[in-house]
Amino acid sequence: MAGDAHGRRGARSEPTGRGEGALADARGRVVRTVEALRESIAGALRGSTVDARPYRPGEDRPLSTFRVPDGHEEVDRYWVNAPYAFVVVTYDPEASEHAYHAVEPDVGPFEADLLARVKVDVRDSLLYRDDGTDVDRRGPTESAAIGALAEELAALLEEYGVRVGAETFHALLYYLARDFRGYGKVDLLLCDPRVEDVSCDGYDLPLFVYHAEYTDVETDVTFDREELDSYVVRLAQRSGRHISVGDPIVETTLPDGSRAELVLGEEVTPRGSAFTIRQYAEEPFTPVDLIEYGTFDAATMAYLWLCIEHNKSLIFAGGTASGKTTSMNAVSTFIPPRAKVLTIEDTRELALHHDNWLANVTRERLHDGEEIDMYALLRSALRHRPEYIIVGEVRGREAVTLFQAMNTGHTTFSTMHADSVETVVNRLENEPIGVPRAMVQSLDLLSVQTLARVGGERVRRSKVVGEIRGVDARTGELDYTSSFSWDPETDSFARSDSDLLSEIAAERG
């Protein structure tokens, strides 16, 4: 759940600088280009002047401008990276659709050519800087890296003998930082705190975002064939993975913690290379956040707190994007601070605040090495003597080992794709998971979550929190009961009797 509460850069104030018509915009671009060419020629004759001073929003002209497309209505506008880039959401009444416009600094033909040349020439300058700053990596601080870029950009422009104003200088600096430090064309989308995921479906097709307020929205960002193939390879390399036509599918985690699914070429995806990047909040959601968003009520969260503190094992189930992993990450704060916690995932999503936390991630087979899957990690985990084991998702043979760990006294958390308590039990007992019914009894709790609509908005709710009671002596079936259930009509939670609370009460005297 990335959503509307967290993000790398929040909106600051209403962006300004709207155009007054297509003709006026075109005329302005021509005038600016002619002026820049004139200044460039004059600069070559008398020496260049580069105005590299800080941008002054009140004095300098806007770096980015936008004109609402014909037939559209503007419904939202907010900064993503002030004063450089902002987002405009428009609505097309005829098509009954929203559109997402990523607005970045304006560049004319002269600035575009200059930027292309600078991108090539600045690399050597950055590689051989005396201070060792490498802006293409995440090592140095953001301010140090941007400072290095600004210095090298100013030096190159002086060397070229061109005259550029502060607006042009900062526009060029923005694109250099975006492409070297960020994620290129997609960077603005990933910096938007209201965007949960970004998806590209092929060559020359518009990217789509899942927006916290407008759900699935088409953007004005596209990639051609060469750009997209290169971009997918770059994403894989930045996450330390290899992708090729022979091995075209990669699931990975990007340096900023986002989860990415990458596909290269047309063999697997006929419309061309594709990617989906799923955003996660920089600061993980807390139990209080989930209560404020209505995913749980305070009584349900207090119940989970008591159960986790008293070593009850649980599984969060639900459909895609129902908030399973987010909830599991949030309730992990109820684990005692000094307890030894071990996590096992395919791709890094969990972010715990415990000092005694050992994180494990699976690895594909590399060259002559062995593949390390969740089953192997889980077997190894038991030798570390953890008190709590958290598995990102159970879907195969590792589930049997997980339930063996439950039976031997380890407290375990995990997630599953299922939409009800009955479905969870059926999936656990049948192939490809195949956990014996006698072992399923060791599971204490099930929280089933759903992505629903309340008052016209998409929300995440804990549909039911159930307790596993054991095998019914008469029917031989697994018996369970609901401790808390969500009522969609009133958007409230109803509480029932709890055997686990009675057990805890008895344990505590």
Protein backbone atom coordinates (compact mmCIF):
# COMPACT_ATOMS: atom_id res chain seq x y z
CA MET A 1 0.00 0.00 0.00
CA ALA A 2 1.93 2.97 -1.14
CA GLY A 3 -1.08 5.17 -1.52
CA ASP A 4 -1.70 8.70 -0.41
CA ALA A 5 0.02 8.81 2.95
CA HIS A 6 3.65 8.20 2.08
CA GLY A 7 6.06 9.06 -0.70
CA ARG A 8 9.46 10.41 -1.49
CA ARG A 9 8.37 13.94 -2.32
CA GLY A 10 5.07 15.39 -1.19
CA ALA A 11 3.04 18.08 -2.92
CA ARG A 12 3.97 21.54 -1.69
CA SER A 13 1.78 24.12 -3.31
CA GLU A 14 -0.39 24.62 -6.38
CA PRO A 15 1.85 24.68 -9.48
CA THR A 16 1.41 27.66 -11.77
CA GLY A 17 2.40 28.57 -15.32
CA ARG A 18 -0.50 27.38 -17.54
CA GLY A 19 -0.26 28.22 -21.26
CA GLU A 20 -2.69 30.61 -22.90
CA GLY A 21 -3.25 28.60 -26.06
CA ALA A 22 -1.47 26.34 -28.51
CA LEU A 23 -0.53 29.22 -30.82
CA ALA A 24 0.94 31.29 -28.02
CA ASP A 25 2.91 28.28 -26.73
CA ALA A 26 4.31 27.53 -30.20
CA ARG A 27 5.22 31.20 -30.76
CA GLY A 28 6.94 31.35 -27.37
CA ARG A 29 9.00 28.23 -28.08
CA VAL A 30 10.14 29.62 -31.43
CA VAL A 31 11.13 32.93 -29.83
CA ARG A 32 13.07 31.19 -27.05
CA THR A 33 14.86 28.95 -29.54
CA VAL A 34 15.88 31.87 -31.75
CA GLU A 35 17.08 33.81 -28.71
CA ALA A 36 19.10 30.81 -27.51
CA LEU A 37 20.71 30.33 -30.93
CA ARG A 38 21.56 34.03 -31.11
CA GLU A 39 23.07 33.87 -27.62
CA SER A 40 25.01 30.73 -28.54
CA ILE A 41 26.59 32.36 -31.61
CA ALA A 42 27.36 35.53 -29.68
CA GLY A 43 28.77 33.50 -26.81
CA ALA A 44 31.16 31.66 -29.10
CA LEU A 45 32.52 35.03 -30.27
CA ARG A 46 32.88 36.77 -26.93
CA GLY A 47 33.07 33.90 -24.38
CA SER A 48 30.14 32.18 -22.74
CA THR A 49 28.05 33.21 -19.76
CA VAL A 50 26.32 30.54 -17.69
CA ASP A 51 23.83 31.70 -15.08
CA ALA A 52 24.12 28.84 -12.57
CA ARG A 53 22.57 30.71 -9.65
CA PRO A 54 19.71 29.11 -7.66
CA TYR A 55 16.31 29.20 -9.34
CA ARG A 56 14.05 32.00 -8.04
CA PRO A 57 10.38 31.01 -8.37
CA GLY A 58 9.11 34.53 -7.84
CA GLU A 59 11.43 36.15 -10.39
CA ASP A 60 12.28 33.55 -13.05
CA ARG A 61 9.76 32.27 -15.55
CA PRO A 62 8.16 28.87 -14.79
CA LEU A 63 10.34 25.92 -15.78
CA SER A 64 7.35 23.75 -16.68
CA THR A 65 4.13 24.78 -18.43
CA PHE A 66 1.02 22.86 -19.38
CA ARG A 67 -2.06 23.42 -21.53
CA VAL A 68 -5.18 21.35 -20.89
CA PRO A 69 -5.98 19.24 -23.99
CA ASP A 70 -9.06 20.19 -25.99
CA GLY A 71 -12.18 18.52 -24.65
CA HIS A 72 -10.61 17.78 -21.26
CA GLU A 73 -11.34 19.32 -17.86
CA GLU A 74 -8.60 19.81 -15.29
CA VAL A 75 -9.54 18.09 -12.02
CA ASP A 76 -6.27 18.02 -10.08
CA ARG A 77 -2.80 19.57 -10.12
CA TYR A 78 0.01 19.09 -7.61
CA TRP A 79 3.79 19.32 -7.32
CA VAL A 80 5.88 16.18 -7.34
CA ASN A 81 9.31 17.77 -7.51
CA ALA A 82 8.92 21.53 -7.00
CA PRO A 83 9.83 23.76 -8.78
CA TYR A 84 10.63 21.42 -11.66
CA ALA A 85 7.87 18.89 -12.22
CA PHE A 86 4.20 18.53 -11.41
CA VAL A 87 1.22 16.34 -12.25
CA VAL A 88 -2.05 17.38 -13.88
CA VAL A 89 -5.02 15.02 -13.88
CA THR A 90 -7.68 15.80 -16.48
CA TYR A 91 -11.08 14.29 -17.25
CA ASP A 92 -12.47 13.57 -20.70
CA PRO A 93 -16.30 13.66 -20.42
CA GLU A 94 -16.78 12.12 -23.85
CA ALA A 95 -14.63 9.08 -23.10
CA SER A 96 -15.54 9.14 -19.38
CA GLU A 97 -11.87 8.70 -18.49
CA HIS A 98 -9.20 10.45 -16.45
CA ALA A 99 -5.77 11.18 -17.92
CA TYR A 100 -2.49 11.62 -16.05
CA HIS A 101 -0.06 14.23 -17.41
CA ALA A 102 3.56 14.26 -16.23
CA VAL A 103 4.73 17.86 -16.66
CA GLU A 104 8.49 18.41 -16.71
CA PRO A 105 10.69 21.42 -17.60
CA ASP A 106 10.17 22.75 -21.13
CA VAL A 107 12.99 22.26 -23.63
CA GLY A 108 13.11 23.59 -27.18
CA PRO A 109 15.12 22.14 -30.09
CA PHE A 110 18.27 23.99 -29.03
CA GLU A 111 18.03 22.84 -25.40
CA ALA A 112 17.24 19.28 -26.51
CA ASP A 113 20.37 19.13 -28.70
CA LEU A 114 22.43 20.68 -25.93
CA LEU A 115 21.11 18.16 -23.40
CA ALA A 116 21.93 15.22 -25.69
CA ARG A 117 25.51 16.45 -26.04
CA VAL A 118 25.88 17.16 -22.31
CA LYS A 119 24.68 13.65 -21.38
CA VAL A 120 27.50 12.13 -23.42
CA ASP A 121 30.27 14.53 -22.39
CA VAL A 122 29.47 14.77 -18.68
CA ARG A 123 30.06 11.06 -18.01
CA ASP A 124 33.84 11.23 -18.32
CA SER A 125 33.96 14.38 -16.22
CA LEU A 126 31.98 12.67 -13.46
CA LEU A 127 34.04 9.47 -13.59
CA TYR A 128 37.31 11.32 -13.06
CA ARG A 129 36.26 13.89 -10.47
CA ASP A 130 38.91 14.53 -7.82
CA ASP A 131 36.40 14.08 -4.97
CA GLY A 132 35.38 10.62 -6.22
CA THR A 133 31.68 11.47 -6.39
CA ASP A 134 29.86 9.00 -8.65
CA VAL A 135 26.40 10.38 -9.37
CA ASP A 136 25.28 7.24 -11.17
CA ARG A 137 25.17 5.36 -7.87
CA ARG A 138 23.26 5.83 -4.63
CA GLY A 139 26.38 6.15 -2.49
CA PRO A 140 26.80 9.90 -1.97
CA THR A 141 24.05 12.03 -0.52
CA GLU A 142 21.51 13.50 -2.91
CA SER A 143 22.74 17.05 -2.31
CA ALA A 144 26.38 16.07 -2.94
CA ALA A 145 25.50 14.28 -6.16
CA ILE A 146 23.34 17.13 -7.47
CA GLY A 147 26.08 19.58 -6.53
CA ALA A 148 28.59 17.55 -8.54
CA LEU A 149 26.23 17.46 -11.52
CA ALA A 150 25.66 21.23 -11.34
CA GLU A 151 29.42 21.91 -11.25
CA GLU A 152 30.18 19.68 -14.23
CA LEU A 153 27.22 21.03 -16.20
CA ALA A 154 28.33 24.62 -15.69
CA ALA A 155 31.91 23.73 -16.68
CA LEU A 156 30.74 21.99 -19.87
CA LEU A 157 28.49 24.88 -20.89
CA GLU A 158 31.38 27.30 -20.37
CA GLU A 159 33.57 25.01 -22.49
CA TYR A 160 30.96 24.95 -25.26
CA GLY A 161 30.87 28.73 -25.28
CA VAL A 162 27.11 29.03 -24.95
CA ARG A 163 25.04 31.58 -23.09
CA VAL A 164 22.23 30.12 -21.00
CA GLY A 165 19.97 31.68 -18.40
CA ALA A 166 19.06 30.24 -15.03
CA GLU A 167 15.87 28.65 -16.37
CA THR A 168 17.74 26.71 -19.09
CA PHE A 169 20.51 25.73 -16.70
CA HIS A 170 18.06 24.29 -14.15
CA ALA A 171 16.03 22.52 -16.84
CA LEU A 172 19.20 20.79 -18.07
CA LEU A 173 20.20 19.97 -14.49
CA TYR A 174 16.78 18.44 -13.83
CA TYR A 175 17.04 16.05 -16.77
CA LEU A 176 20.61 15.09 -15.93
CA ALA A 177 19.62 14.29 -12.33
CA ARG A 178 16.49 12.46 -13.50
CA ASP A 179 18.39 10.23 -15.90
CA PHE A 180 21.58 9.67 -13.90
CA ARG A 181 20.21 9.50 -10.34
CA GLY A 182 16.57 8.65 -10.94
CA TYR A 183 14.62 6.36 -13.23
CA GLY A 184 14.47 8.39 -16.43
CA LYS A 185 11.06 9.00 -17.95
CA VAL A 186 9.37 7.03 -15.17
CA ASP A 187 11.04 8.95 -12.34
CA LEU A 188 8.25 11.51 -11.96
CA LEU A 189 5.66 8.72 -11.73
CA LEU A 190 7.68 6.87 -9.10
CA CYS A 191 8.15 10.09 -7.11
CA ASP A 192 4.40 10.72 -7.01
CA PRO A 193 3.23 9.78 -3.48
CA ARG A 194 -0.26 9.03 -4.81
CA VAL A 195 0.89 6.39 -7.31
CA GLU A 196 0.94 2.78 -6.12
CA ASP A 197 2.23 1.08 -9.23
CA VAL A 198 3.41 1.86 -12.75
CA SER A 199 2.94 -0.51 -15.68
CA CYS A 200 4.23 -0.55 -19.26
CA ASP A 201 2.62 -3.05 -21.66
CA GLY A 202 4.82 -2.71 -24.76
CA TYR A 203 6.41 -0.52 -27.40
CA ASP A 204 4.84 2.88 -28.14
CA LEU A 205 2.02 2.22 -25.67
CA PRO A 206 1.11 4.70 -22.91
CA LEU A 207 2.15 3.77 -19.40
CA PHE A 208 -0.59 3.29 -16.82
CA VAL A 209 -0.50 4.14 -13.13
CA TYR A 210 -2.67 3.00 -10.26
CA HIS A 211 -3.55 6.28 -8.56
CA ALA A 212 -4.76 6.43 -4.97
CA GLU A 213 -7.69 8.67 -5.97
CA TYR A 214 -8.38 7.92 -9.63
CA THR A 215 -7.42 4.18 -9.73
CA ASP A 216 -6.12 3.02 -13.15
CA VAL A 217 -5.16 6.04 -15.23
CA GLU A 218 -3.45 6.35 -18.60
CA THR A 219 -0.39 8.62 -18.65
CA ASP A 220 1.26 10.59 -21.46
CA VAL A 221 4.57 8.71 -21.03
CA THR A 222 5.61 6.23 -23.75
CA PHE A 223 8.74 4.33 -24.85
CA ASP A 224 9.74 3.40 -28.38
CA ARG A 225 11.31 0.01 -29.13
CA GLU A 226 14.96 0.92 -28.56
CA GLU A 227 14.20 3.05 -25.48
CA LEU A 228 12.08 0.37 -23.81
CA ASP A 229 14.51 -2.51 -24.38
CA SER A 230 17.35 -0.39 -23.03
CA TYR A 231 15.24 0.75 -20.07
CA VAL A 232 14.27 -2.78 -19.02
CA VAL A 233 17.91 -3.89 -19.18
CA ARG A 234 18.90 -0.85 -17.11
CA LEU A 235 16.29 -1.61 -14.42
CA ALA A 236 17.61 -5.18 -14.15
CA GLN A 237 21.20 -3.98 -13.88
CA ARG A 238 20.37 -1.38 -11.23
CA SER A 239 18.87 -4.12 -9.08
CA GLY A 240 21.88 -6.39 -9.59
CA ARG A 241 20.12 -8.84 -11.91
CA HIS A 242 20.69 -10.07 -15.46
CA ILE A 243 18.04 -10.09 -18.17
CA SER A 244 18.42 -11.22 -21.77
CA VAL A 245 16.44 -12.67 -24.66
CA GLY A 246 17.44 -16.13 -23.44
CA ASP A 247 16.33 -15.36 -19.88
CA PRO A 248 13.65 -12.69 -20.48
CA ILE A 249 11.70 -12.63 -17.18
CA VAL A 250 13.09 -11.14 -13.99
CA GLU A 251 11.35 -10.46 -10.68
CA THR A 252 13.43 -8.13 -8.57
CA THR A 253 13.59 -5.30 -6.07
CA LEU A 254 14.87 -1.89 -7.14
CA PRO A 255 17.34 0.09 -5.00
CA ASP A 256 14.53 2.28 -3.60
CA GLY A 257 12.64 -0.81 -2.36
CA SER A 258 10.06 -0.93 -5.16
CA ARG A 259 9.14 -4.36 -6.49
CA ALA A 260 9.62 -4.81 -10.25
CA GLU A 261 8.54 -7.47 -12.74
CA LEU A 262 10.53 -7.16 -15.98
CA VAL A 263 10.08 -8.82 -19.38
CA LEU A 264 12.47 -8.31 -22.31
CA GLY A 265 11.63 -8.71 -25.99
CA GLU A 266 8.61 -10.04 -27.84
CA GLU A 267 8.83 -13.80 -27.30
CA VAL A 268 6.97 -13.76 -24.00
CA THR A 269 5.07 -10.49 -24.43
CA PRO A 270 4.16 -10.07 -28.15
CA ARG A 271 3.64 -6.30 -27.85
CA GLY A 272 7.23 -5.83 -26.72
CA SER A 273 9.25 -5.45 -23.53
CA ALA A 274 7.16 -4.73 -20.46
CA PHE A 275 7.52 -3.88 -16.80
CA THR A 276 5.45 -3.29 -13.70
CA ILE A 277 6.88 -1.40 -10.74
CA ARG A 278 5.01 -1.66 -7.47
CA GLN A 279 5.63 1.13 -5.01
CA TYR A 280 6.02 0.80 -1.26
CA ALA A 281 6.00 3.57 1.29
CA GLU A 282 9.42 4.70 2.50
CA GLU A 283 8.12 4.55 6.06
CA PRO A 284 6.23 1.27 6.61
CA PHE A 285 2.63 1.53 7.71
CA THR A 286 2.04 1.18 11.45
CA PRO A 287 -0.92 -0.40 13.26
CA VAL A 288 -2.20 3.12 13.95
CA ASP A 289 -2.10 3.89 10.21
CA LEU A 290 -4.19 0.81 9.44
CA ILE A 291 -6.74 1.82 12.08
CA GLU A 292 -6.94 5.35 10.64
CA TYR A 293 -7.47 3.95 7.14
CA GLY A 294 -10.19 1.66 8.45
CA THR A 295 -8.46 -1.60 7.46
CA PHE A 296 -8.88 -2.74 11.08
CA ASP A 297 -10.64 -1.20 14.04
CA ALA A 298 -8.91 -0.61 17.37
CA ALA A 299 -10.43 -3.70 19.02
CA THR A 300 -9.23 -6.01 16.23
CA MET A 301 -5.75 -4.53 16.35
CA ALA A 302 -5.61 -4.88 20.15
CA TYR A 303 -6.70 -8.52 19.73
CA LEU A 304 -3.87 -9.15 17.22
CA TRP A 305 -1.43 -7.46 19.61
CA LEU A 306 -2.37 -9.79 22.44
CA CYS A 307 -2.18 -12.86 20.22
CA ILE A 308 1.22 -11.98 18.75
CA GLU A 309 2.71 -11.18 22.14
CA HIS A 310 1.56 -14.62 23.28
CA ASN A 311 3.14 -16.43 20.33
CA LYS A 312 0.09 -17.20 18.20
CA SER A 313 0.82 -17.99 14.55
CA LEU A 314 -1.20 -16.30 11.81
CA ILE A 315 -1.68 -16.04 8.07
CA PHE A 316 -2.89 -12.98 6.16
CA ALA A 317 -4.94 -13.99 3.12
CA GLY A 318 -6.60 -12.00 0.36
CA GLY A 319 -6.52 -11.10 -3.30
CA THR A 320 -3.95 -9.06 -5.19
CA ALA A 321 -3.40 -5.57 -3.73
CA SER A 322 -5.63 -6.28 -0.73
CA GLY A 323 -2.87 -5.22 1.68
CA LYS A 324 -1.73 -8.61 3.01
CA THR A 325 1.98 -7.83 3.18
CA THR A 326 1.38 -4.31 4.46
CA SER A 327 -0.73 -5.62 7.34
CA MET A 328 1.78 -8.35 8.18
CA ASN A 329 4.58 -5.79 8.21
CA ALA A 330 2.54 -3.47 10.44
CA VAL A 331 1.62 -6.05 13.08
CA SER A 332 5.25 -7.20 13.23
CA THR A 333 5.78 -4.16 15.48
CA PHE A 334 3.95 -6.16 18.16
CA ILE A 335 6.81 -8.68 18.26
CA PRO A 336 8.88 -8.05 21.42
CA PRO A 337 11.78 -5.70 20.56
CA ARG A 338 14.59 -8.10 21.53
CA ALA A 339 13.06 -11.27 20.10
CA LYS A 340 15.01 -12.93 17.28
CA VAL A 341 13.08 -12.50 14.02
CA LEU A 342 13.88 -14.21 10.73
CA THR A 343 12.20 -13.25 7.43
CA ILE A 344 12.16 -15.20 4.15
CA GLU A 345 11.02 -13.61 0.86
CA ASP A 346 11.29 -13.97 -2.90
CA THR A 347 11.77 -10.20 -3.26
CA ARG A 348 12.39 -7.75 -0.44
CA GLU A 349 9.16 -6.16 0.79
CA LEU A 350 9.25 -6.42 4.58
CA ALA A 351 10.84 -3.67 6.66
CA LEU A 352 11.09 -4.47 10.37
CA HIS A 353 12.31 -2.20 13.14
CA HIS A 354 13.87 -4.98 15.22
CA ASP A 355 17.58 -5.03 15.96
CA ASN A 356 17.75 -8.83 16.12
CA TRP A 357 16.37 -9.37 12.61
CA LEU A 358 17.88 -11.70 10.01
CA ALA A 359 16.50 -11.08 6.50
CA ASN A 360 16.71 -13.85 3.86
CA VAL A 361 15.96 -13.59 0.13
CA THR A 362 15.82 -16.41 -2.41
CA ARG A 363 18.31 -16.62 -5.27
CA GLU A 364 18.01 -18.02 -8.76
CA ARG A 365 20.65 -20.38 -10.08
CA LEU A 366 23.73 -18.44 -11.15
CA HIS A 367 26.20 -20.16 -13.51
CA ASP A 368 27.38 -23.28 -11.65
CA GLY A 369 25.84 -22.30 -8.33
CA GLU A 370 22.72 -23.78 -6.81
CA GLU A 371 19.28 -22.23 -6.72
CA ILE A 372 18.33 -21.16 -3.21
CA ASP A 373 14.56 -21.30 -2.87
CA MET A 374 12.24 -20.60 0.05
CA TYR A 375 12.31 -24.26 1.10
CA ALA A 376 16.11 -24.20 1.44
CA LEU A 377 16.03 -20.89 3.32
CA LEU A 378 13.35 -22.14 5.69
CA ARG A 379 15.32 -25.28 6.53
CA SER A 380 18.36 -23.12 7.19
CA ALA A 381 16.28 -20.69 9.23
CA LEU A 382 15.38 -23.31 11.82
CA ARG A 383 19.08 -23.72 12.63
CA HIS A 384 19.31 -20.03 13.55
CA ARG A 385 16.94 -20.65 16.48
CA PRO A 386 14.50 -17.81 15.64
CA GLU A 387 11.58 -17.03 17.92
CA TYR A 388 9.49 -15.59 15.09
CA ILE A 389 9.61 -16.66 11.42
CA ILE A 390 7.98 -14.46 8.77
CA VAL A 391 7.58 -15.90 5.27
CA GLY A 392 6.59 -13.48 2.50
CA GLU A 393 4.13 -15.90 0.85
CA VAL A 394 3.50 -19.64 1.05
CA ARG A 395 2.60 -21.39 -2.19
CA GLY A 396 4.61 -24.63 -2.36
CA ARG A 397 6.51 -27.26 -0.45
CA GLU A 398 7.97 -24.70 1.97
CA ALA A 399 4.53 -24.58 3.64
CA VAL A 400 5.02 -28.07 5.12
CA THR A 401 8.30 -26.99 6.70
CA LEU A 402 6.62 -23.81 7.94
CA PHE A 403 3.89 -25.81 9.66
CA GLN A 404 6.50 -28.16 11.09
CA ALA A 405 8.11 -25.09 12.62
CA MET A 406 4.72 -24.13 14.10
CA ASN A 407 4.37 -27.59 15.59
CA THR A 408 7.80 -27.30 17.23
CA GLY A 409 6.93 -24.06 18.98
CA HIS A 410 8.05 -21.35 16.55
CA THR A 411 5.70 -18.43 15.99
CA THR A 412 5.20 -17.90 12.26
CA PHE A 413 3.54 -15.28 10.05
CA SER A 414 2.90 -15.53 6.33
CA THR A 415 0.57 -14.51 3.49
CA MET A 416 -1.53 -16.42 0.95
CA HIS A 417 -3.71 -15.66 -2.05
CA ALA A 418 -7.21 -16.67 -0.95
CA ASP A 419 -10.53 -14.88 -0.44
CA SER A 420 -11.99 -16.78 2.55
CA VAL A 421 -11.08 -18.96 5.50
CA GLU A 422 -12.43 -22.01 3.64
CA THR A 423 -10.26 -21.26 0.61
CA VAL A 424 -7.16 -20.91 2.79
CA VAL A 425 -7.78 -24.30 4.40
CA ASN A 426 -8.45 -25.95 1.02
CA ARG A 427 -5.29 -24.49 -0.51
CA LEU A 428 -3.19 -25.58 2.45
CA GLU A 429 -4.48 -29.16 2.40
CA ASN A 430 -4.33 -29.73 -1.36
CA GLU A 431 -1.54 -29.75 -3.94
CA PRO A 432 0.81 -28.10 -4.63
CA ILE A 433 1.04 -27.15 -0.93
CA GLY A 434 -0.23 -30.37 0.65
CA VAL A 435 -0.05 -29.71 4.40
CA PRO A 436 -1.60 -32.61 6.39
CA ARG A 437 -4.77 -31.65 8.25
CA ALA A 438 -3.24 -32.60 11.57
CA MET A 439 -0.50 -30.01 11.01
CA VAL A 440 -2.90 -27.26 9.87
CA GLN A 441 -4.33 -27.36 13.41
CA SER A 442 -1.16 -25.64 14.66
CA LEU A 443 -2.23 -22.44 12.87
CA ASP A 444 -3.98 -20.11 15.32
CA LEU A 445 -5.26 -17.14 13.29
CA LEU A 446 -6.39 -16.21 9.80
CA SER A 447 -6.98 -12.62 8.68
CA VAL A 448 -8.74 -12.43 5.31
CA GLN A 449 -8.45 -9.02 3.61
CA THR A 450 -10.29 -7.56 0.65
CA LEU A 451 -10.10 -4.59 -1.70
CA ALA A 452 -13.62 -3.12 -1.62
CA ARG A 453 -15.55 0.07 -2.39
CA VAL A 454 -16.98 2.23 0.36
CA GLY A 455 -18.66 5.52 -0.51
CA GLY A 456 -17.34 5.34 -4.06
CA GLU A 457 -13.71 4.93 -2.92
CA ARG A 458 -11.56 1.82 -3.09
CA VAL A 459 -10.55 0.75 0.40
CA ARG A 460 -8.81 -2.18 2.04
CA ARG A 461 -10.65 -3.98 4.82
CA SER A 462 -10.05 -7.00 7.03
CA LYS A 463 -13.08 -9.04 5.98
CA VAL A 464 -12.79 -11.62 8.75
CA VAL A 465 -10.36 -12.64 11.48
CA GLY A 466 -10.84 -16.33 12.17
CA GLU A 467 -9.48 -18.81 14.71
CA ILE A 468 -8.61 -22.42 13.90
CA ARG A 469 -10.18 -24.59 16.60
CA GLY A 470 -8.97 -28.00 15.45
CA VAL A 471 -10.49 -31.06 13.79
CA ASP A 472 -14.18 -31.67 14.48
CA ALA A 473 -14.53 -35.12 16.11
CA ARG A 474 -17.88 -35.79 14.40
CA THR A 475 -17.17 -34.68 10.83
CA GLY A 476 -13.39 -34.93 10.65
CA GLU A 477 -13.32 -31.45 9.10
CA LEU A 478 -11.26 -28.54 10.34
CA ASP A 479 -13.32 -26.36 12.67
CA TYR A 480 -12.92 -22.59 12.81
CA THR A 481 -14.74 -19.54 14.12
CA SER A 482 -14.81 -15.80 13.36
CA SER A 483 -13.58 -13.49 16.11
CA PHE A 484 -14.09 -10.29 14.09
CA SER A 485 -16.01 -9.70 10.88
CA TRP A 486 -16.54 -6.66 8.67
CA ASP A 487 -20.02 -5.41 7.76
CA PRO A 488 -19.87 -3.70 4.32
CA GLU A 489 -23.21 -1.92 4.79
CA THR A 490 -22.13 -0.01 7.89
CA ASP A 491 -18.35 -0.24 7.29
CA SER A 492 -17.91 -1.46 10.85
CA PHE A 493 -16.51 -4.52 12.62
CA ALA A 494 -18.49 -6.98 14.72
CA ARG A 495 -16.85 -8.92 17.55
CA SER A 496 -17.58 -12.51 18.59
CA ASP A 497 -16.33 -14.78 21.36
CA SER A 498 -12.67 -15.79 21.17
CA ASP A 499 -11.16 -19.06 22.35
CA LEU A 500 -7.66 -17.63 21.98
CA LEU A 501 -8.41 -14.75 24.34
CA SER A 502 -9.73 -17.27 26.84
CA GLU A 503 -6.49 -19.28 26.47
CA ILE A 504 -4.37 -16.15 26.96
CA ALA A 505 -6.43 -15.18 30.01
CA ALA A 506 -5.86 -18.64 31.48
CA GLU A 507 -2.11 -18.48 30.76
CA ARG A 508 -1.82 -15.09 32.44
CA GLY A 509 -3.90 -16.14 35.41
